[in-house]
PDB file of N, CA and C in Angstrom:
ATOM      1  N   UNK A   1     142.809 125.429 209.976  1.00  0.00           N
ATOM      2  CA  UNK A   1     142.900 125.167 211.414  1.00  0.00           C
ATOM      3  C   UNK A   1     141.609 125.588 212.348  1.00  0.00           C
ATOM      4  N   UNK A   2     141.518 126.658 212.439  1.00  0.00           N
ATOM      5  CA  UNK A   2     140.162 126.532 213.431  1.00  0.00           C
ATOM      6  C   UNK A   2     138.571 125.771 213.162  1.00  0.00           C
ATOM      7  N   UNK A   3     138.247 125.702 211.911  1.00  0.00           N
ATOM      8  CA  UNK A   3     137.547 125.129 211.511  1.00  0.00           C
ATOM      9  C   UNK A   3     137.883 123.466 212.075  1.00  0.00           C
ATOM     10  N   UNK A   4     139.280 122.944 211.553  1.00  0.00           N
ATOM     11  CA  UNK A   4     139.226 121.137 212.645  1.00  0.00           C
ATOM     12  C   UNK A   4     138.885 121.807 213.974  1.00  0.00           C
ATOM     13  N   UNK A   5     139.305 122.755 214.927  1.00  0.00           N
ATOM     14  CA  UNK A   5     139.369 122.689 216.227  1.00  0.00           C
ATOM     15  C   UNK A   5     137.963 123.233 216.964  1.00  0.00           C
ATOM     16  N   UNK A   6     137.098 123.842 215.822  1.00  0.00           N
ATOM     17  CA  UNK A   6     135.699 124.238 216.088  1.00  0.00           C
ATOM     18  C   UNK A   6     135.071 122.976 216.615  1.00  0.00           C
ATOM     19  N   UNK A   7     135.100 122.551 215.242  1.00  0.00           N
ATOM     20  CA  UNK A   7     134.149 120.397 215.301  1.00  0.00           C
ATOM     21  C   UNK A   7     134.261 120.251 216.295  1.00  0.00           C
ATOM     22  N   UNK A   8     135.642 119.951 216.335  1.00  0.00           N
ATOM     23  CA  UNK A   8     136.100 118.823 217.941  1.00  0.00           C
ATOM     24  C   UNK A   8     135.865 119.360 218.909  1.00  0.00           C
ATOM     25  N   UNK A   9     136.119 120.606 218.974  1.00  0.00           N
ATOM     26  CA  UNK A   9     135.481 121.091 220.400  1.00  0.00           C
ATOM     27  C   UNK A   9     133.752 120.494 220.587  1.00  0.00           C
ATOM     28  N   UNK A  10     133.133 121.169 219.628  1.00  0.00           N
ATOM     29  CA  UNK A  10     131.733 120.920 219.427  1.00  0.00           C
ATOM     30  C   UNK A  10     131.043 119.356 219.716  1.00  0.00           C
ATOM     31  N   UNK A  11     132.418 118.150 219.275  1.00  0.00           N
ATOM     32  CA  UNK A  11     131.990 117.216 220.220  1.00  0.00           C
ATOM     33  C   UNK A  11     132.527 116.639 221.084  1.00  0.00           C
ATOM     34  N   UNK A  12     133.090 117.511 221.550  1.00  0.00           N
ATOM     35  CA  UNK A  12     133.241 116.937 222.669  1.00  0.00           C
ATOM     36  C   UNK A  12     132.655 117.068 224.150  1.00  0.00           C
ATOM     37  N   UNK A  13     131.299 116.809 223.562  1.00  0.00           N
ATOM     38  CA  UNK A  13     130.588 117.397 224.673  1.00  0.00           C
ATOM     39  C   UNK A  13     129.306 116.400 224.524  1.00  0.00           C
ATOM     40  N   UNK A  14     128.668 115.433 225.137  1.00  0.00           N
ATOM     41  CA  UNK A  14     127.086 114.118 225.443  1.00  0.00           C
ATOM     42  C   UNK A  14     126.549 114.792 224.587  1.00  0.00           C
ATOM     43  N   UNK A  15     125.967 115.892 225.322  1.00  0.00           N
ATOM     44  CA  UNK A  15     124.598 116.265 224.536  1.00  0.00           C
ATOM     45  C   UNK A  15     125.068 116.448 223.521  1.00  0.00           C
ATOM     46  N   UNK A  16     125.749 116.972 222.654  1.00  0.00           N
ATOM     47  CA  UNK A  16     125.994 117.767 221.817  1.00  0.00           C
ATOM     48  C   UNK A  16     125.896 116.435 220.200  1.00  0.00           C
ATOM     49  N   UNK A  17     127.086 114.915 221.035  1.00  0.00           N
ATOM     50  CA  UNK A  17     126.561 113.955 220.506  1.00  0.00           C
ATOM     51  C   UNK A  17     124.839 113.271 220.298  1.00  0.00           C
ATOM     52  N   UNK A  18     124.382 113.542 221.393  1.00  0.00           N
ATOM     53  CA  UNK A  18     123.514 113.122 221.168  1.00  0.00           C
ATOM     54  C   UNK A  18     122.553 113.622 220.762  1.00  0.00           C
ATOM     55  N   UNK A  19     122.259 115.230 220.198  1.00  0.00           N
ATOM     56  CA  UNK A  19     121.526 115.769 219.406  1.00  0.00           C
ATOM     57  C   UNK A  19     121.957 115.185 218.228  1.00  0.00           C
ATOM     58  N   UNK A  20     123.289 115.099 217.923  1.00  0.00           N
ATOM     59  CA  UNK A  20     123.112 114.609 216.583  1.00  0.00           C
ATOM     60  C   UNK A  20     122.505 113.583 215.752  1.00  0.00           C
ATOM     61  N   UNK A  21     122.949 112.792 216.695  1.00  0.00           N
ATOM     62  CA  UNK A  21     122.102 111.346 216.375  1.00  0.00           C
ATOM     63  C   UNK A  21     120.694 111.324 216.228  1.00  0.00           C
ATOM     64  N   UNK A  22     120.015 112.459 216.966  1.00  0.00           N
ATOM     65  CA  UNK A  22     119.064 112.848 217.470  1.00  0.00           C
ATOM     66  C   UNK A  22     118.371 113.535 215.616  1.00  0.00           C
ATOM     67  N   UNK A  23     119.236 114.566 215.422  1.00  0.00           N
ATOM     68  CA  UNK A  23     118.699 115.099 213.544  1.00  0.00           C
ATOM     69  C   UNK A  23     119.283 114.003 212.715  1.00  0.00           C
ATOM     70  N   UNK A  24     120.256 113.327 212.654  1.00  0.00           N
ATOM     71  CA  UNK A  24     120.047 111.698 211.632  1.00  0.00           C
ATOM     72  C   UNK A  24     118.727 111.726 211.456  1.00  0.00           C
ATOM     73  N   UNK A  25     117.499 111.437 212.679  1.00  0.00           N
ATOM     74  CA  UNK A  25     116.126 110.550 211.951  1.00  0.00           C
ATOM     75  C   UNK A  25     116.066 111.586 210.719  1.00  0.00           C
ATOM     76  N   UNK A  26     115.426 112.683 211.782  1.00  0.00           N
ATOM     77  CA  UNK A  26     114.854 113.842 210.936  1.00  0.00           C
ATOM     78  C   UNK A  26     114.768 115.381 210.775  1.00  0.00           C
ATOM     79  N   UNK A  27     114.409 116.482 210.637  1.00  0.00           N
ATOM     80  CA  UNK A  27     114.198 117.895 211.065  1.00  0.00           C
ATOM     81  C   UNK A  27     113.654 117.621 212.313  1.00  0.00           C
ATOM     82  N   UNK A  28     114.101 118.745 213.529  1.00  0.00           N
ATOM     83  CA  UNK A  28     113.378 117.956 214.581  1.00  0.00           C
ATOM     84  C   UNK A  28     113.692 120.056 215.123  1.00  0.00           C
ATOM     85  N   UNK A  29     112.036 120.346 216.053  1.00  0.00           N
ATOM     86  CA  UNK A  29     111.976 121.318 216.467  1.00  0.00           C
ATOM     87  C   UNK A  29     112.866 120.995 218.517  1.00  0.00           C
ATOM     88  N   UNK A  30     112.744 122.610 218.905  1.00  0.00           N
ATOM     89  CA  UNK A  30     114.106 122.434 220.017  1.00  0.00           C
ATOM     90  C   UNK A  30     112.827 121.575 220.959  1.00  0.00           C
ATOM     91  N   UNK A  31     111.738 121.912 220.502  1.00  0.00           N
ATOM     92  CA  UNK A  31     110.926 121.045 221.803  1.00  0.00           C
ATOM     93  C   UNK A  31     110.754 119.836 221.813  1.00  0.00           C
ATOM     94  N   UNK A  32     111.289 118.976 220.523  1.00  0.00           N
ATOM     95  CA  UNK A  32     111.098 117.842 220.486  1.00  0.00           C
ATOM     96  C   UNK A  32     112.479 117.328 220.782  1.00  0.00           C
ATOM     97  N   UNK A  33     113.165 117.439 220.641  1.00  0.00           N
ATOM     98  CA  UNK A  33     114.523 117.267 221.173  1.00  0.00           C
ATOM     99  C   UNK A  33     114.810 117.319 222.962  1.00  0.00           C
ATOM    100  N   UNK A  34     113.892 118.698 223.343  1.00  0.00           N
ATOM    101  CA  UNK A  34     113.714 119.381 224.478  1.00  0.00           C
ATOM    102  C   UNK A  34     113.209 117.513 225.277  1.00  0.00           C
ATOM    103  N   UNK A  35     111.912 117.138 224.917  1.00  0.00           N
ATOM    104  CA  UNK A  35     111.121 115.833 225.408  1.00  0.00           C
ATOM    105  C   UNK A  35     112.068 114.854 224.996  1.00  0.00           C
ATOM    106  N   UNK A  36     112.866 114.374 224.193  1.00  0.00           N
ATOM    107  CA  UNK A  36     113.683 113.214 223.675  1.00  0.00           C
ATOM    108  C   UNK A  36     114.773 113.630 225.007  1.00  0.00           C
ATOM    109  N   UNK A  37     115.871 114.280 225.063  1.00  0.00           N
ATOM    110  CA  UNK A  37     116.389 114.522 226.124  1.00  0.00           C
ATOM    111  C   UNK A  37     116.369 115.299 227.287  1.00  0.00           C
ATOM    112  N   UNK A  38     115.193 115.012 227.900  1.00  0.00           N
ATOM    113  CA  UNK A  38     114.831 115.272 229.007  1.00  0.00           C
ATOM    114  C   UNK A  38     116.094 116.523 229.294  1.00  0.00           C
ATOM    115  N   UNK A  39     115.511 117.537 228.971  1.00  0.00           N
ATOM    116  CA  UNK A  39     116.979 118.619 229.229  1.00  0.00           C
ATOM    117  C   UNK A  39     115.534 120.236 228.588  1.00  0.00           C
ATOM    118  N   UNK A  40     116.357 121.404 229.306  1.00  0.00           N
ATOM    119  CA  UNK A  40     115.441 122.788 229.518  1.00  0.00           C
ATOM    120  C   UNK A  40     116.096 123.266 227.920  1.00  0.00           C
ATOM    121  N   UNK A  41     115.163 123.943 227.733  1.00  0.00           N
ATOM    122  CA  UNK A  41     115.207 124.519 226.685  1.00  0.00           C
ATOM    123  C   UNK A  41     116.446 125.728 225.836  1.00  0.00           C
ATOM    124  N   UNK A  42     116.866 126.209 227.219  1.00  0.00           N
ATOM    125  CA  UNK A  42     118.056 126.946 227.203  1.00  0.00           C
ATOM    126  C   UNK A  42     119.509 125.943 226.921  1.00  0.00           C
ATOM    127  N   UNK A  43     119.577 124.854 227.653  1.00  0.00           N
ATOM    128  CA  UNK A  43     120.297 124.133 227.132  1.00  0.00           C
ATOM    129  C   UNK A  43     120.397 123.228 225.712  1.00  0.00           C
ATOM    130  N   UNK A  44     119.723 123.108 225.077  1.00  0.00           N
ATOM    131  CA  UNK A  44     119.525 122.530 224.022  1.00  0.00           C
ATOM    132  C   UNK A  44     119.593 123.431 223.107  1.00  0.00           C
ATOM    133  N   UNK A  45     118.660 124.376 223.506  1.00  0.00           N
ATOM    134  CA  UNK A  45     119.137 126.056 222.190  1.00  0.00           C
ATOM    135  C   UNK A  45     120.918 126.289 222.649  1.00  0.00           C
ATOM    136  N   UNK A  46     121.631 125.934 223.055  1.00  0.00           N
ATOM    137  CA  UNK A  46     122.839 126.477 223.581  1.00  0.00           C
ATOM    138  C   UNK A  46     123.987 125.831 222.646  1.00  0.00           C
ATOM    139  N   UNK A  47     123.257 124.755 222.674  1.00  0.00           N
ATOM    140  CA  UNK A  47     124.037 123.142 222.622  1.00  0.00           C
ATOM    141  C   UNK A  47     124.086 123.478 221.186  1.00  0.00           C
ATOM    142  N   UNK A  48     122.590 123.497 220.509  1.00  0.00           N
ATOM    143  CA  UNK A  48     122.419 123.693 219.351  1.00  0.00           C
ATOM    144  C   UNK A  48     123.113 124.479 218.914  1.00  0.00           C
ATOM    145  N   UNK A  49     123.059 125.922 218.913  1.00  0.00           N
ATOM    146  CA  UNK A  49     123.790 127.028 218.660  1.00  0.00           C
ATOM    147  C   UNK A  49     125.263 126.581 218.595  1.00  0.00           C
ATOM    148  N   UNK A  50     126.301 126.165 219.425  1.00  0.00           N
ATOM    149  CA  UNK A  50     127.396 125.778 219.031  1.00  0.00           C
ATOM    150  C   UNK A  50     127.737 124.329 217.749  1.00  0.00           C
ATOM    151  N   UNK A  51     126.658 124.008 218.132  1.00  0.00           N
ATOM    152  CA  UNK A  51     126.382 123.151 216.746  1.00  0.00           C
ATOM    153  C   UNK A  51     126.650 123.504 215.185  1.00  0.00           C
ATOM    154  N   UNK A  52     125.902 124.226 215.407  1.00  0.00           N
ATOM    155  CA  UNK A  52     125.470 125.291 214.023  1.00  0.00           C
ATOM    156  C   UNK A  52     126.848 125.923 214.098  1.00  0.00           C
ATOM    157  N   UNK A  53     127.336 126.976 215.034  1.00  0.00           N
ATOM    158  CA  UNK A  53     128.462 127.784 214.647  1.00  0.00           C
ATOM    159  C   UNK A  53     129.878 126.639 214.467  1.00  0.00           C
ATOM    160  N   UNK A  54     129.716 125.474 214.330  1.00  0.00           N
ATOM    161  CA  UNK A  54     131.207 125.107 213.338  1.00  0.00           C
ATOM    162  C   UNK A  54     130.638 123.525 212.896  1.00  0.00           C
ATOM    163  N   UNK A  55     129.353 124.329 211.866  1.00  0.00           N
ATOM    164  CA  UNK A  55     129.065 123.570 210.893  1.00  0.00           C
ATOM    165  C   UNK A  55     128.237 122.826 210.620  1.00  0.00           C
ATOM    166  N   UNK A  56     127.992 121.837 212.061  1.00  0.00           N
ATOM    167  CA  UNK A  56     127.132 120.084 211.996  1.00  0.00           C
ATOM    168  C   UNK A  56     125.345 120.460 211.573  1.00  0.00           C
ATOM    169  N   UNK A  57     125.288 121.967 211.973  1.00  0.00           N
ATOM    170  CA  UNK A  57     123.231 121.724 211.640  1.00  0.00           C
ATOM    171  C   UNK A  57     123.548 123.210 211.375  1.00  0.00           C
ATOM    172  N   UNK A  58     122.100 122.719 210.374  1.00  0.00           N
ATOM    173  CA  UNK A  58     120.936 123.974 210.247  1.00  0.00           C
ATOM    174  C   UNK A  58     119.966 124.280 210.536  1.00  0.00           C
ATOM    175  N   UNK A  59     119.690 125.502 210.612  1.00  0.00           N
ATOM    176  CA  UNK A  59     117.894 125.678 210.927  1.00  0.00           C
ATOM    177  C   UNK A  59     117.459 126.678 210.096  1.00  0.00           C
ATOM    178  N   UNK A  60     115.664 126.489 210.478  1.00  0.00           N
ATOM    179  CA  UNK A  60     115.145 127.059 208.811  1.00  0.00           C
ATOM    180  C   UNK A  60     113.993 127.515 209.871  1.00  0.00           C
ATOM    181  N   UNK A  61     113.797 128.884 209.776  1.00  0.00           N
ATOM    182  CA  UNK A  61     112.545 129.317 210.415  1.00  0.00           C
ATOM    183  C   UNK A  61     111.484 128.470 209.862  1.00  0.00           C
ATOM    184  N   UNK A  62     110.148 128.551 210.518  1.00  0.00           N
ATOM    185  CA  UNK A  62     109.168 128.365 209.735  1.00  0.00           C
ATOM    186  C   UNK A  62     107.904 129.103 210.873  1.00  0.00           C
ATOM    187  N   UNK A  63     107.629 130.189 210.632  1.00  0.00           N
ATOM    188  CA  UNK A  63     106.952 131.462 211.687  1.00  0.00           C
ATOM    189  C   UNK A  63     107.593 131.418 212.838  1.00  0.00           C
ATOM    190  N   UNK A  64     106.887 131.039 214.437  1.00  0.00           N
ATOM    191  CA  UNK A  64     106.950 131.191 214.905  1.00  0.00           C
ATOM    192  C   UNK A  64     108.411 129.654 215.250  1.00  0.00           C
ATOM    193  N   UNK A  65     108.156 128.638 214.450  1.00  0.00           N
ATOM    194  CA  UNK A  65     109.253 127.402 214.984  1.00  0.00           C
ATOM    195  C   UNK A  65     110.807 127.415 214.465  1.00  0.00           C
ATOM    196  N   UNK A  66     111.343 126.954 215.188  1.00  0.00           N
ATOM    197  CA  UNK A  66     112.551 126.869 214.119  1.00  0.00           C
ATOM    198  C   UNK A  66     113.013 125.292 214.320  1.00  0.00           C
ATOM    199  N   UNK A  67     113.150 125.426 212.939  1.00  0.00           N
ATOM    200  CA  UNK A  67     113.491 123.412 212.372  1.00  0.00           C
ATOM    201  C   UNK A  67     115.129 123.661 212.185  1.00  0.00           C
ATOM    202  N   UNK A  68     115.534 122.359 212.968  1.00  0.00           N
ATOM    203  CA  UNK A  68     117.010 122.066 212.897  1.00  0.00           C
ATOM    204  C   UNK A  68     117.611 120.678 212.461  1.00  0.00           C
ATOM    205  N   UNK A  69     118.572 120.120 211.396  1.00  0.00           N
ATOM    206  CA  UNK A  69     118.352 118.914 210.940  1.00  0.00           C
ATOM    207  C   UNK A  69     120.065 118.960 210.430  1.00  0.00           C
ATOM    208  N   UNK A  70     120.501 118.884 210.092  1.00  0.00           N
ATOM    209  CA  UNK A  70     122.006 118.033 209.745  1.00  0.00           C
ATOM    210  C   UNK A  70     122.523 119.051 208.481  1.00  0.00           C
ATOM    211  N   UNK A  71     123.750 119.416 208.618  1.00  0.00           N
ATOM    212  CA  UNK A  71     124.094 120.609 207.370  1.00  0.00           C
ATOM    213  C   UNK A  71     124.465 119.666 206.138  1.00  0.00           C
ATOM    214  N   UNK A  72     124.943 118.303 205.641  1.00  0.00           N
ATOM    215  CA  UNK A  72     125.091 118.405 204.995  1.00  0.00           C
ATOM    216  C   UNK A  72     125.705 118.730 203.954  1.00  0.00           C
ATOM    217  N   UNK A  73     124.790 120.278 203.325  1.00  0.00           N
ATOM    218  CA  UNK A  73     125.141 120.460 202.155  1.00  0.00           C
ATOM    219  C   UNK A  73     125.994 121.292 202.402  1.00  0.00           C
ATOM    220  N   UNK A  74     126.406 122.426 203.362  1.00  0.00           N
ATOM    221  CA  UNK A  74     126.905 123.345 203.543  1.00  0.00           C
ATOM    222  C   UNK A  74     128.090 123.681 204.412  1.00  0.00           C
ATOM    223  N   UNK A  75     128.486 122.593 204.651  1.00  0.00           N
ATOM    224  CA  UNK A  75     129.155 121.950 205.778  1.00  0.00           C
ATOM    225  C   UNK A  75     131.113 122.393 205.821  1.00  0.00           C
ATOM    226  N   UNK A  76     131.922 122.757 206.917  1.00  0.00           N
ATOM    227  CA  UNK A  76     133.412 122.824 206.177  1.00  0.00           C
ATOM    228  C   UNK A  76     133.632 121.369 205.607  1.00  0.00           C
ATOM    229  N   UNK A  77     134.597 121.002 205.448  1.00  0.00           N
ATOM    230  CA  UNK A  77     135.096 120.353 205.113  1.00  0.00           C
ATOM    231  C   UNK A  77     135.070 119.086 205.881  1.00  0.00           C
ATOM    232  N   UNK A  78     136.133 119.346 207.389  1.00  0.00           N
ATOM    233  CA  UNK A  78     136.124 118.545 208.360  1.00  0.00           C
ATOM    234  C   UNK A  78     135.133 117.392 209.080  1.00  0.00           C
ATOM    235  N   UNK A  79     133.831 118.841 208.797  1.00  0.00           N
ATOM    236  CA  UNK A  79     132.613 118.277 209.409  1.00  0.00           C
ATOM    237  C   UNK A  79     132.050 116.975 208.699  1.00  0.00           C
ATOM    238  N   UNK A  80     131.950 117.636 207.033  1.00  0.00           N
ATOM    239  CA  UNK A  80     131.728 116.821 206.099  1.00  0.00           C
ATOM    240  C   UNK A  80     132.475 115.191 206.287  1.00  0.00           C
ATOM    241  N   UNK A  81     133.619 115.422 206.559  1.00  0.00           N
ATOM    242  CA  UNK A  81     134.477 113.857 206.538  1.00  0.00           C
ATOM    243  C   UNK A  81     134.038 113.329 208.440  1.00  0.00           C
ATOM    244  N   UNK A  82     132.892 114.247 209.410  1.00  0.00           N
ATOM    245  CA  UNK A  82     133.218 113.073 210.567  1.00  0.00           C
ATOM    246  C   UNK A  82     132.080 113.111 210.866  1.00  0.00           C
ATOM    247  N   UNK A  83     130.502 113.662 209.738  1.00  0.00           N
ATOM    248  CA  UNK A  83     129.480 113.315 210.179  1.00  0.00           C
ATOM    249  C   UNK A  83     129.304 111.787 209.212  1.00  0.00           C
ATOM    250  N   UNK A  84     130.029 111.084 208.632  1.00  0.00           N
ATOM    251  CA  UNK A  84     129.534 109.927 208.127  1.00  0.00           C
ATOM    252  C   UNK A  84     130.066 108.770 209.364  1.00  0.00           C
ATOM    253  N   UNK A  85     131.104 109.075 209.738  1.00  0.00           N
ATOM    254  CA  UNK A  85     131.861 108.386 210.995  1.00  0.00           C
ATOM    255  C   UNK A  85     130.710 108.498 212.015  1.00  0.00           C
ATOM    256  N   UNK A  86     130.010 109.927 212.358  1.00  0.00           N
ATOM    257  CA  UNK A  86     129.103 109.765 213.471  1.00  0.00           C
ATOM    258  C   UNK A  86     127.946 108.545 212.921  1.00  0.00           C
ATOM    259  N   UNK A  87     127.721 108.869 211.600  1.00  0.00           N
ATOM    260  CA  UNK A  87     125.880 107.723 211.639  1.00  0.00           C
ATOM    261  C   UNK A  87     126.876 106.799 211.744  1.00  0.00           C
ATOM    262  N   UNK A  88     127.646 106.112 211.780  1.00  0.00           N
ATOM    263  CA  UNK A  88     128.087 104.735 211.550  1.00  0.00           C
ATOM    264  C   UNK A  88     127.652 104.269 212.818  1.00  0.00           C
ATOM    265  N   UNK A  89     128.784 104.825 213.992  1.00  0.00           N
ATOM    266  CA  UNK A  89     129.201 104.501 214.941  1.00  0.00           C
ATOM    267  C   UNK A  89     128.349 104.635 216.060  1.00  0.00           C
ATOM    268  N   UNK A  90     128.515 103.875 217.078  1.00  0.00           N
ATOM    269  CA  UNK A  90     127.630 104.160 218.743  1.00  0.00           C
ATOM    270  C   UNK A  90     125.903 103.898 218.349  1.00  0.00           C
ATOM    271  N   UNK A  91     125.957 102.831 216.498  1.00  0.00           N
ATOM    272  CA  UNK A  91     124.805 102.584 217.312  1.00  0.00           C
ATOM    273  C   UNK A  91     123.791 101.322 218.199  1.00  0.00           C
ATOM    274  N   UNK A  92     124.957 101.115 219.082  1.00  0.00           N
ATOM    275  CA  UNK A  92     124.408 100.343 220.353  1.00  0.00           C
ATOM    276  C   UNK A  92     124.098 100.634 222.006  1.00  0.00           C
ATOM    277  N   UNK A  93     124.812 102.165 221.209  1.00  0.00           N
ATOM    278  CA  UNK A  93     124.819 103.034 222.380  1.00  0.00           C
ATOM    279  C   UNK A  93     123.488 103.113 223.594  1.00  0.00           C
ATOM    280  N   UNK A  94     123.293 102.675 224.485  1.00  0.00           N
ATOM    281  CA  UNK A  94     122.552 102.488 225.375  1.00  0.00           C
ATOM    282  C   UNK A  94     121.545 104.291 225.242  1.00  0.00           C
ATOM    283  N   UNK A  95     122.415 105.067 225.952  1.00  0.00           N
ATOM    284  CA  UNK A  95     121.836 106.329 225.956  1.00  0.00           C
ATOM    285  C   UNK A  95     121.291 106.380 224.853  1.00  0.00           C
ATOM    286  N   UNK A  96     121.664 106.946 223.550  1.00  0.00           N
ATOM    287  CA  UNK A  96     121.505 107.348 222.316  1.00  0.00           C
ATOM    288  C   UNK A  96     119.788 106.139 222.102  1.00  0.00           C
ATOM    289  N   UNK A  97     120.183 104.895 222.058  1.00  0.00           N
ATOM    290  CA  UNK A  97     119.118 103.620 222.121  1.00  0.00           C
ATOM    291  C   UNK A  97     117.579 104.754 222.652  1.00  0.00           C
ATOM    292  N   UNK A  98     117.837 104.331 224.041  1.00  0.00           N
ATOM    293  CA  UNK A  98     116.198 105.624 225.208  1.00  0.00           C
ATOM    294  C   UNK A  98     116.113 107.076 224.154  1.00  0.00           C
ATOM    295  N   UNK A  99     116.829 107.408 223.692  1.00  0.00           N
ATOM    296  CA  UNK A  99     116.534 108.658 222.982  1.00  0.00           C
ATOM    297  C   UNK A  99     115.966 108.458 221.905  1.00  0.00           C
ATOM    298  N   UNK A 100     116.369 107.918 220.795  1.00  0.00           N
ATOM    299  CA  UNK A 100     115.559 107.478 220.093  1.00  0.00           C
ATOM    300  C   UNK A 100     114.143 106.805 220.435  1.00  0.00           C
ATOM    301  N   UNK A 101     114.045 106.062 221.658  1.00  0.00           N
ATOM    302  CA  UNK A 101     113.179 105.742 222.198  1.00  0.00           C
ATOM    303  C   UNK A 101     112.084 106.803 222.420  1.00  0.00           C
ATOM    304  N   UNK A 102     112.301 107.573 222.981  1.00  0.00           N
ATOM    305  CA  UNK A 102     111.982 108.981 223.524  1.00  0.00           C
ATOM    306  C   UNK A 102     111.101 109.763 222.647  1.00  0.00           C
ATOM    307  N   UNK A 103     112.337 109.879 221.413  1.00  0.00           N
ATOM    308  CA  UNK A 103     112.080 110.957 220.252  1.00  0.00           C
ATOM    309  C   UNK A 103     111.019 110.503 219.511  1.00  0.00           C
ATOM    310  N   UNK A 104     110.684 109.466 219.559  1.00  0.00           N
ATOM    311  CA  UNK A 104     109.303 108.383 218.589  1.00  0.00           C
ATOM    312  C   UNK A 104     107.802 109.062 219.414  1.00  0.00           C
ATOM    313  N   UNK A 105     108.071 109.187 220.818  1.00  0.00           N
ATOM    314  CA  UNK A 105     107.083 109.532 221.339  1.00  0.00           C
ATOM    315  C   UNK A 105     107.218 111.099 221.468  1.00  0.00           C
ATOM    316  N   UNK A 106     107.990 112.131 221.064  1.00  0.00           N
ATOM    317  CA  UNK A 106     108.114 113.449 221.555  1.00  0.00           C
ATOM    318  C   UNK A 106     107.216 113.923 220.745  1.00  0.00           C
ATOM    319  N   UNK A 107     106.044 115.133 220.850  1.00  0.00           N
ATOM    320  CA  UNK A 107     105.469 115.747 220.271  1.00  0.00           C
ATOM    321  C   UNK A 107     105.561 117.286 220.036  1.00  0.00           C
ATOM    322  N   UNK A 108     105.562 117.895 219.104  1.00  0.00           N
ATOM    323  CA  UNK A 108     105.661 119.539 218.560  1.00  0.00           C
ATOM    324  C   UNK A 108     105.122 120.389 219.625  1.00  0.00           C
ATOM    325  N   UNK A 109     105.296 120.809 220.187  1.00  0.00           N
ATOM    326  CA  UNK A 109     104.463 121.621 220.844  1.00  0.00           C
ATOM    327  C   UNK A 109     103.040 121.904 220.370  1.00  0.00           C
ATOM    328  N   UNK A 110     102.910 122.173 219.452  1.00  0.00           N
ATOM    329  CA  UNK A 110     101.863 122.949 218.496  1.00  0.00           C
ATOM    330  C   UNK A 110     101.120 121.554 217.816  1.00  0.00           C
ATOM    331  N   UNK A 111     101.792 120.784 218.066  1.00  0.00           N
ATOM    332  CA  UNK A 111     100.924 119.227 217.830  1.00  0.00           C
ATOM    333  C   UNK A 111     100.187 119.312 219.677  1.00  0.00           C
ATOM    334  N   UNK A 112     100.485 119.515 220.805  1.00  0.00           N
ATOM    335  CA  UNK A 112     100.040 118.896 222.323  1.00  0.00           C
ATOM    336  C   UNK A 112      99.330 119.849 222.417  1.00  0.00           C
ATOM    337  N   UNK A 113      99.247 121.231 221.950  1.00  0.00           N
ATOM    338  CA  UNK A 113      98.113 122.239 221.939  1.00  0.00           C
ATOM    339  C   UNK A 113      96.679 122.375 221.464  1.00  0.00           C
ATOM    340  N   UNK A 114      96.807 121.514 220.232  1.00  0.00           N
ATOM    341  CA  UNK A 114      95.596 121.252 219.690  1.00  0.00           C
ATOM    342  C   UNK A 114      94.393 120.620 220.518  1.00  0.00           C
TER     343      UNK A 114
END
């Protein structure tokens, strides 16, 4: 029961839904998510932590960078059931459409500093 409560609490915030929808596109670093959502690093990281704790996302270290992606493989059963629903939902949401457009223009900080 705790996994179910944790999953639904994680989905109870607009920022976290927006993060999931962006991560459906591809693996992303915090800097790309910050640009797409126009949010601070601490806010993005805090919400990614909640999603990770609930099993929606996973992270991968690459030197100084941490990359996040949807956790399709090891997610709790409730998350496995909810991910397809989220993927098929909200495609016409104006906020998410804007987020995706900003993501297309986002750059990794490592690319900006070159």
